[in-house]
Protein backbone atom coordinates (compact mmCIF):
# COMPACT_ATOMS: atom_id res chain seq x y z
CA MET A 1 6.15 -21.00 17.20
CA ILE A 2 5.42 -20.67 20.86
CA GLU A 3 9.12 -20.19 21.76
CA LYS A 4 10.10 -17.59 19.01
CA LEU A 5 6.59 -16.31 20.66
CA LYS A 6 7.73 -16.09 24.52
CA LEU A 7 11.34 -14.30 23.07
CA ILE A 8 9.23 -11.70 20.98
CA GLU A 9 7.51 -11.29 24.55
CA GLU A 10 10.82 -10.48 26.01
CA ARG A 11 11.60 -8.00 23.36
CA TYR A 12 8.38 -6.03 23.62
CA GLU A 13 8.86 -5.83 27.83
CA GLU A 14 12.18 -4.77 27.34
CA ILE A 15 11.15 -1.71 24.86
CA ASN A 16 8.63 -0.90 27.24
CA ALA A 17 11.09 -0.59 30.05
CA LYS A 18 13.67 1.32 27.87
CA LEU A 19 10.37 3.76 26.61
CA SER A 20 10.65 5.37 29.72
CA ASP A 21 13.96 5.47 30.71
CA PRO A 22 14.78 9.75 30.47
CA ASN A 23 17.85 9.18 28.52
CA ILE A 24 16.06 6.97 25.83
CA VAL A 25 13.06 10.09 25.66
CA SER A 26 15.76 12.61 25.26
CA ASP A 27 17.43 10.89 22.21
CA GLN A 28 14.51 11.42 19.39
CA GLY A 29 16.49 8.99 17.23
CA GLN A 30 16.39 6.39 19.35
CA TYR A 31 13.26 6.81 21.07
CA ALA A 32 11.54 6.82 17.29
CA ALA A 33 13.38 3.66 16.37
CA LEU A 34 11.82 2.00 19.22
CA MET A 35 8.67 3.40 19.21
CA ARG A 36 8.47 1.91 15.57
CA GLU A 37 9.43 -1.47 16.94
CA TYR A 38 7.05 -1.20 19.59
CA LYS A 39 4.05 -0.56 17.26
CA GLN A 40 4.80 -3.36 15.08
CA LEU A 41 5.21 -6.08 18.24
CA THR A 42 1.73 -4.56 20.00
CA PRO A 43 -0.99 -6.82 17.24
CA ILE A 44 1.75 -9.54 18.07
CA ILE A 45 1.69 -9.62 21.75
CA GLU A 46 -1.85 -8.93 21.98
CA LYS A 47 -2.89 -11.71 20.11
CA PHE A 48 -0.32 -14.67 22.07
CA ARG A 49 -1.77 -13.02 25.40
CA GLU A 50 -5.08 -13.97 24.13
CA TYR A 51 -3.45 -17.37 22.57
CA CYS A 52 -2.36 -18.27 26.42
CA ILE A 53 -5.86 -17.24 28.07
CA PHE A 54 -7.60 -19.72 25.79
CA SER A 55 -4.47 -22.15 26.40
CA ALA A 56 -4.41 -21.91 30.00
CA ARG A 57 -8.55 -22.52 30.24
CA PHE A 58 -8.55 -25.42 28.04
CA ASP A 59 -5.70 -27.02 30.12
CA GLU A 60 -7.89 -26.56 32.83
CA ALA A 61 -10.99 -28.09 31.37
CA ASP A 62 -8.94 -31.09 30.40
CA LEU A 63 -8.01 -31.44 33.62
CA MET A 64 -11.77 -31.54 34.99
CA ILE A 65 -12.84 -34.12 32.24
CA LYS A 66 -10.25 -36.11 33.64
CA GLU A 67 -11.26 -35.74 37.31
CA ALA A 68 -15.42 -35.25 36.39
CA GLU A 69 -17.39 -37.21 39.13
CA ASP A 70 -20.32 -37.40 37.09
CA ALA A 71 -21.44 -36.70 33.20
CA GLU A 72 -23.14 -33.55 33.32
CA MET A 73 -19.96 -32.41 34.97
CA ARG A 74 -17.80 -34.19 32.15
CA ASP A 75 -19.90 -32.57 29.43
CA LEU A 76 -19.46 -29.30 31.21
CA ALA A 77 -15.71 -29.46 30.96
CA GLU A 78 -15.93 -31.18 27.56
CA ALA A 79 -17.71 -28.27 25.93
CA GLU A 80 -15.57 -25.46 28.06
CA TYR A 81 -12.44 -26.97 26.33
CA LYS A 82 -13.73 -27.12 22.55
CA GLU A 83 -15.01 -23.85 22.58
CA ASN A 84 -11.10 -22.63 24.20
CA LYS A 85 -9.50 -24.87 21.50
CA SER A 86 -11.15 -23.87 19.01
CA LYS A 87 -10.54 -19.94 20.17
CA ALA A 88 -7.01 -20.59 21.11
CA ASP A 89 -6.14 -22.89 17.13
CA ALA A 90 -8.07 -19.50 15.80
CA CYS A 91 -5.36 -17.59 17.30
CA LEU A 92 -2.29 -19.61 16.44
CA GLU A 93 -3.63 -19.03 12.49
CA GLU A 94 -3.71 -15.66 13.14
CA LEU A 95 -0.28 -15.17 14.62
CA LYS A 96 1.21 -17.07 11.88
CA ILE A 97 0.13 -14.31 9.41
CA LEU A 98 1.00 -11.44 12.14
CA LEU A 99 4.28 -13.25 12.27
CA LEU A 100 5.20 -13.10 8.54
CA PRO A 101 8.37 -11.09 7.42
CA LYS A 102 6.52 -7.17 7.18
CA ASP A 103 7.44 -5.16 3.83
CA GLU A 104 8.99 -2.45 5.08
CA ASN A 105 7.51 0.12 3.54
CA ASP A 106 4.11 -0.85 4.48
CA ASP A 107 3.71 1.82 7.45
CA LYS A 108 5.37 4.67 4.60
CA ASN A 109 3.39 6.88 2.86
CA VAL A 110 2.75 6.20 -1.26
CA ILE A 111 3.51 8.47 -4.28
CA ILE A 112 1.23 7.63 -7.14
CA GLU A 113 1.55 7.97 -10.86
CA ILE A 114 -1.09 7.85 -13.19
CA ARG A 115 -0.82 8.16 -17.09
CA GLY A 116 -3.28 7.92 -19.65
CA GLY A 117 -2.89 4.95 -22.02
CA ALA A 118 -3.76 3.43 -25.34
CA GLY A 119 -7.38 4.87 -26.59
CA GLY A 120 -6.34 8.26 -26.87
CA GLU A 121 -9.27 11.24 -24.63
CA GLU A 122 -10.67 8.30 -22.84
CA ALA A 123 -7.55 6.99 -21.72
CA MET A 124 -7.02 10.31 -20.34
CA LEU A 125 -10.50 10.68 -19.62
CA PHE A 126 -10.44 7.22 -17.82
CA ALA A 127 -6.86 8.40 -15.81
CA ALA A 128 -8.69 11.29 -14.32
CA THR A 129 -11.58 8.58 -12.89
CA LEU A 130 -8.62 6.42 -11.41
CA PHE A 131 -7.31 9.48 -9.37
CA ARG A 132 -10.65 10.88 -8.84
CA MET A 133 -11.05 7.15 -7.40
CA TYR A 134 -8.20 6.99 -5.26
CA THR A 135 -8.68 10.21 -3.85
CA MET A 136 -11.96 8.88 -2.30
CA TYR A 137 -10.10 6.15 -1.02
CA ALA A 138 -7.92 8.04 0.88
CA GLU A 139 -10.11 10.73 2.21
CA ALA A 140 -12.32 7.22 3.61
CA LYS A 141 -9.37 5.70 5.38
CA GLY A 142 -8.71 9.08 6.96
CA PHE A 143 -5.51 9.54 4.61
CA SER A 144 -4.26 13.11 3.19
CA TYR A 145 -3.31 13.82 -0.68
CA GLU A 146 -1.35 16.33 -2.37
CA VAL A 147 -0.96 16.73 -6.09
CA LEU A 148 2.59 16.88 -6.96
CA SER A 149 2.55 17.41 -10.79
CA LEU A 150 -0.03 17.60 -13.34
CA ASN A 151 -0.45 17.59 -16.76
CA ASP A 152 -4.53 17.41 -17.76
CA THR A 153 -6.41 17.96 -20.98
CA GLU A 154 -9.03 20.48 -21.90
CA LEU A 155 -11.85 17.74 -21.67
CA GLY A 156 -10.77 17.01 -18.04
CA GLY A 157 -9.08 14.13 -19.04
CA ILE A 158 -5.33 13.26 -17.67
CA LYS A 159 -1.68 12.77 -19.46
CA GLU A 160 0.17 12.53 -16.57
CA ILE A 161 -0.54 12.65 -12.81
CA ALA A 162 1.99 12.07 -9.76
CA PHE A 163 0.32 12.76 -6.37
CA SER A 164 0.99 11.95 -2.57
CA VAL A 165 -0.96 9.81 0.18
CA SER A 166 -0.19 10.64 3.62
CA GLY A 167 -1.57 8.35 6.25
CA ASP A 168 -0.57 5.14 8.72
CA GLY A 169 0.07 2.35 6.53
CA ALA A 170 -0.83 4.04 3.38
CA PHE A 171 1.92 1.77 1.53
CA SER A 172 0.23 -1.31 2.61
CA ARG A 173 -3.36 -0.52 1.47
CA TYR A 174 -2.21 1.10 -2.28
CA LYS A 175 1.03 -1.54 -2.70
CA PHE A 176 -1.20 -4.04 -4.95
CA GLU A 177 -2.28 -1.00 -7.74
CA SER A 178 0.34 -1.08 -9.44
CA GLY A 179 -0.11 -1.90 -13.42
CA VAL A 180 -2.27 -1.96 -16.53
CA HIS A 181 -6.17 -0.71 -15.37
CA ARG A 182 -8.09 -1.40 -18.21
CA VAL A 183 -11.58 -0.01 -19.13
CA GLN A 184 -14.62 -0.64 -21.51
CA ARG A 185 -17.04 1.61 -21.74
CA VAL A 186 -19.05 3.77 -24.49
CA PRO A 187 -16.69 7.30 -24.27
CA GLU A 188 -18.44 10.40 -23.85
CA THR A 189 -16.72 11.63 -27.07
CA GLU A 190 -18.47 8.67 -28.93
CA SER A 191 -21.69 9.12 -30.79
CA GLY A 192 -22.58 5.75 -32.15
CA GLY A 193 -22.62 4.18 -28.88
CA ARG A 194 -19.92 2.02 -29.30
CA ILE A 195 -17.86 0.02 -26.61
CA HIS A 196 -14.24 0.87 -26.36
CA THR A 197 -11.47 -0.31 -24.98
CA SER A 198 -8.91 2.27 -22.82
CA THR A 199 -6.23 2.01 -20.55
CA ALA A 200 -4.43 3.62 -18.10
CA THR A 201 -1.10 2.76 -16.39
CA VAL A 202 -0.62 3.26 -12.29
CA ALA A 203 2.89 3.06 -10.61
CA VAL A 204 2.65 2.84 -6.98
CA LEU A 205 5.75 3.83 -4.82
CA PRO A 206 6.54 4.04 -0.85
CA GLU A 207 7.58 7.67 -0.40
CA MET A 208 11.39 7.95 0.24
CA GLU A 209 12.40 10.68 2.88
CA GLU A 210 16.75 12.04 2.43
CA VAL A 211 17.27 9.44 5.51
CA ASP A 212 15.80 6.51 3.45
CA PHE A 213 17.34 7.33 0.05
CA GLU A 214 20.44 9.72 -0.61
CA ILE A 215 20.83 11.41 -4.32
CA ASN A 216 23.97 12.92 -4.72
CA PRO A 217 23.14 16.16 -5.59
CA ALA A 218 26.62 15.76 -8.51
CA ASP A 219 24.04 13.36 -10.31
CA LEU A 220 21.60 15.95 -11.15
CA GLN A 221 21.16 18.62 -13.56
CA ILE A 222 18.20 21.09 -12.37
CA ASP A 223 16.70 23.43 -14.87
CA THR A 224 13.81 26.27 -14.29
CA PHE A 225 11.38 27.35 -17.13
CA ARG A 226 8.18 29.28 -17.11
CA SER A 227 5.08 27.31 -16.12
CA SER A 228 2.49 26.61 -19.10
CA GLY A 229 -1.38 27.07 -17.43
CA ALA A 230 -4.40 28.31 -18.35
CA GLY A 231 -3.14 32.14 -18.58
CA GLY A 232 -3.39 34.41 -16.13
CA GLN A 233 -0.83 37.29 -14.44
CA HIS A 234 0.98 34.84 -12.83
CA VAL A 235 1.82 32.53 -16.19
CA ASN A 236 4.91 32.53 -18.19
CA LYS A 237 6.31 35.76 -16.08
CA THR A 238 8.69 33.89 -13.77
CA GLU A 239 10.81 30.81 -14.36
CA SER A 240 8.62 28.69 -11.23
CA ALA A 241 8.74 25.90 -12.85
CA ILE A 242 11.70 23.11 -12.22
CA ARG A 243 13.09 20.30 -14.35
CA VAL A 244 15.40 17.44 -12.66
CA THR A 245 17.53 15.04 -14.30
CA HIS A 246 19.14 12.63 -12.61
CA LEU A 247 22.35 12.38 -15.15
CA PRO A 248 23.15 8.61 -14.35
CA THR A 249 19.59 6.98 -15.47
CA GLY A 250 18.65 9.53 -17.48
CA LEU A 251 15.26 9.91 -15.00
CA VAL A 252 13.34 13.08 -15.41
CA VAL A 253 11.00 14.88 -13.44
CA GLU A 254 8.75 18.62 -14.05
CA CYS A 255 7.09 20.13 -11.55
CA GLN A 256 4.82 23.75 -12.36
CA ASP A 257 1.72 23.69 -10.47
CA GLU A 258 3.58 25.51 -7.05
CA ARG A 259 4.38 29.31 -7.51
CA SER A 260 7.57 28.88 -5.94
CA GLN A 261 10.46 27.73 -7.53
CA HIS A 262 11.58 26.60 -3.84
CA LYS A 263 8.36 24.52 -3.55
CA ASN A 264 8.41 22.70 -7.03
CA LYS A 265 12.32 21.78 -6.45
CA GLU A 266 10.98 20.10 -3.41
CA ARG A 267 8.08 18.01 -4.68
CA ALA A 268 10.56 17.20 -7.90
CA LEU A 269 12.86 15.57 -6.17
CA LYS A 270 10.55 13.63 -3.40
CA ILE A 271 9.03 12.30 -6.53
CA LEU A 272 12.70 11.12 -8.05
CA ARG A 273 13.61 10.02 -4.84
CA SER A 274 11.02 7.21 -4.85
CA ARG A 275 11.29 6.59 -8.55
CA LEU A 276 15.04 5.77 -8.02
CA ALA A 277 14.40 3.99 -4.80
CA ASP A 278 11.86 1.41 -6.60
CA ILE A 279 14.66 0.82 -9.75
CA GLU A 280 16.90 -0.63 -6.74
CA ARG A 281 14.43 -2.33 -5.11
CA GLU A 282 13.44 -3.75 -8.40
CA LYS A 283 16.91 -4.99 -8.86
CA GLN A 284 17.44 -6.46 -5.60
CA GLU A 285 14.14 -8.40 -5.89
CA SER A 286 14.60 -9.22 -9.69
CA ALA A 287 16.92 -12.35 -7.54
CA LEU A 288 13.83 -13.41 -6.32
CA ALA A 289 12.06 -13.81 -9.81
CA SER A 290 10.73 -17.35 -9.10
CA GLU A 291 9.16 -15.70 -5.58
CA ARG A 292 7.77 -12.63 -6.95
CA LYS A 293 5.89 -14.83 -9.19
CA SER A 294 4.28 -16.39 -6.64
CA GLN A 295 3.08 -12.79 -5.38
CA VAL A 296 0.19 -10.56 -6.27
CA GLY A 297 2.03 -7.57 -5.47
CA THR A 298 4.84 -7.70 -7.90
CA GLY A 299 4.22 -4.16 -8.82
CA ASP A 300 4.76 -4.96 -12.58
CA ARG A 301 3.71 -1.96 -14.75
CA SER A 302 3.12 -4.23 -18.12
CA GLU A 303 0.97 -6.56 -16.23
CA ARG A 304 -2.66 -6.13 -16.95
CA ILE A 305 -4.28 -6.33 -13.89
CA ARG A 306 -7.89 -5.05 -13.46
CA THR A 307 -11.00 -4.62 -16.05
CA TYR A 308 -13.49 -1.68 -15.28
CA ASN A 309 -16.94 -2.81 -17.50
CA PHE A 310 -19.00 -0.30 -17.65
CA PRO A 311 -22.09 -2.04 -19.36
CA GLN A 312 -21.98 -4.90 -16.61
CA GLY A 313 -21.47 -2.47 -13.97
CA ARG A 314 -18.65 -5.23 -13.31
CA ILE A 315 -14.91 -5.18 -12.13
CA THR A 316 -12.21 -8.05 -12.14
CA ASP A 317 -9.30 -8.27 -10.96
CA HIS A 318 -7.17 -10.79 -13.14
CA ARG A 319 -4.54 -11.61 -10.49
CA ILE A 320 -6.86 -13.24 -8.23
CA GLY A 321 -9.43 -14.09 -10.16
CA LEU A 322 -11.90 -11.88 -8.60
CA THR A 323 -14.96 -10.17 -10.23
CA ILE A 324 -17.53 -8.19 -8.29
CA TYR A 325 -20.53 -6.42 -9.54
CA LYS A 326 -19.88 -2.65 -7.94
CA LEU A 327 -18.84 -0.49 -10.16
CA GLU A 328 -20.34 2.33 -8.80
CA GLN A 329 -19.25 2.15 -5.27
CA THR A 330 -15.68 0.60 -6.13
CA LEU A 331 -15.23 4.39 -8.46
CA ASN A 332 -16.69 5.94 -5.47
CA GLY A 333 -14.02 5.21 -3.32
CA ASP A 334 -15.17 1.73 -2.08
CA LEU A 335 -12.10 -0.30 -2.34
CA ASP A 336 -11.29 -2.16 0.59
CA GLU A 337 -13.02 -5.17 -0.37
CA ILE A 338 -10.89 -5.64 -3.63
CA ILE A 339 -8.07 -4.46 -1.61
CA ASP A 340 -8.78 -6.99 1.33
CA ALA A 341 -8.75 -9.52 -1.29
CA LEU A 342 -5.44 -9.14 -2.45
CA ILE A 343 -3.88 -9.07 0.46
CA THR A 344 -5.76 -12.05 2.14
CA ASN A 345 -4.54 -13.65 -1.05
CA ASP A 346 -0.43 -11.96 -0.61
CA GLN A 347 -0.31 -13.99 2.60
CA ALA A 348 -1.83 -17.00 1.79
CA GLU A 349 0.75 -17.42 -0.70
CA LYS A 350 3.72 -16.11 1.82
CA LEU A 351 2.39 -18.87 4.37
CA LYS A 352 2.65 -21.46 1.71
CA GLY A 353 6.04 -20.20 0.77
CA THR A 354 6.76 -20.69 4.84
CA GLN A 355 5.31 -24.22 4.92
CA ASN A 356 7.45 -25.22 1.38
CA GLY A 357 10.54 -23.84 2.68
């Protein structure tokens, strides 16, 4: 591993030199690619250099132990040795995780789709609760979000919503949220006080730009129609709403939230591009089915991943057996404890895979 890290350090220094080259600085594409690689390697190199410092110190202490002329000097050297050996070992463990294959989509922005599932109006109210939770989390992390399409209900529920979250590493923080979310609570619409169980489904997709995933324009059927909404002068007067159908797959995306037809088309294509890329990715990953089963982030839309129990103030993530009694804080966007646990579990599974391999 140390030899591999030395090669990575050589590459890091090579990139560093290239980033000062005027010819590369003037080539935006090449410069951006090198900056991305430099940024990815930086935490590895910083931790490796930290390891080298502790390693040199315990080697020095080891020599002092051998050369110590009295017990007091030997005890001091042994304490120095143990402390730096422990710190160097901790660095190596962190480096093992940093060297794990990186999800190429981790740094991308994300598109999240939420749909009310089983449970009628209560399921749609729960979908709205999840949307609020994810957007509050985005704000807490310094991300920005934008609603791309929305189909809501008169009572404030959400039949279906698609929104984007933009920020450094957004996908890495949301990617384990795909699946069926279950709620157990007394609905506001229920007078008898009985606890109902409802569900909402969440799909998390890395946002794909045109350069990442190209769609053949010949495969698209684009229709315009009049927006439906709560009323007002503009509604039903112009055909600003857009329906994009991807003919080979039959996927349909509608956007009608913007008054601009161009803006609605742009948003619909953004969602479609990300959905199609997700289908392609699932095809490729199905060949690695056994590996996918061993990881948390399979993204299976039909998998029940989490239960939110209101009477007990409890949240349980079924994939890793995590239960916490912080329902209110979590629904107010405090998701880090759950997300960090999912990431740690995923890293542990990958480490196990590399050791077994």
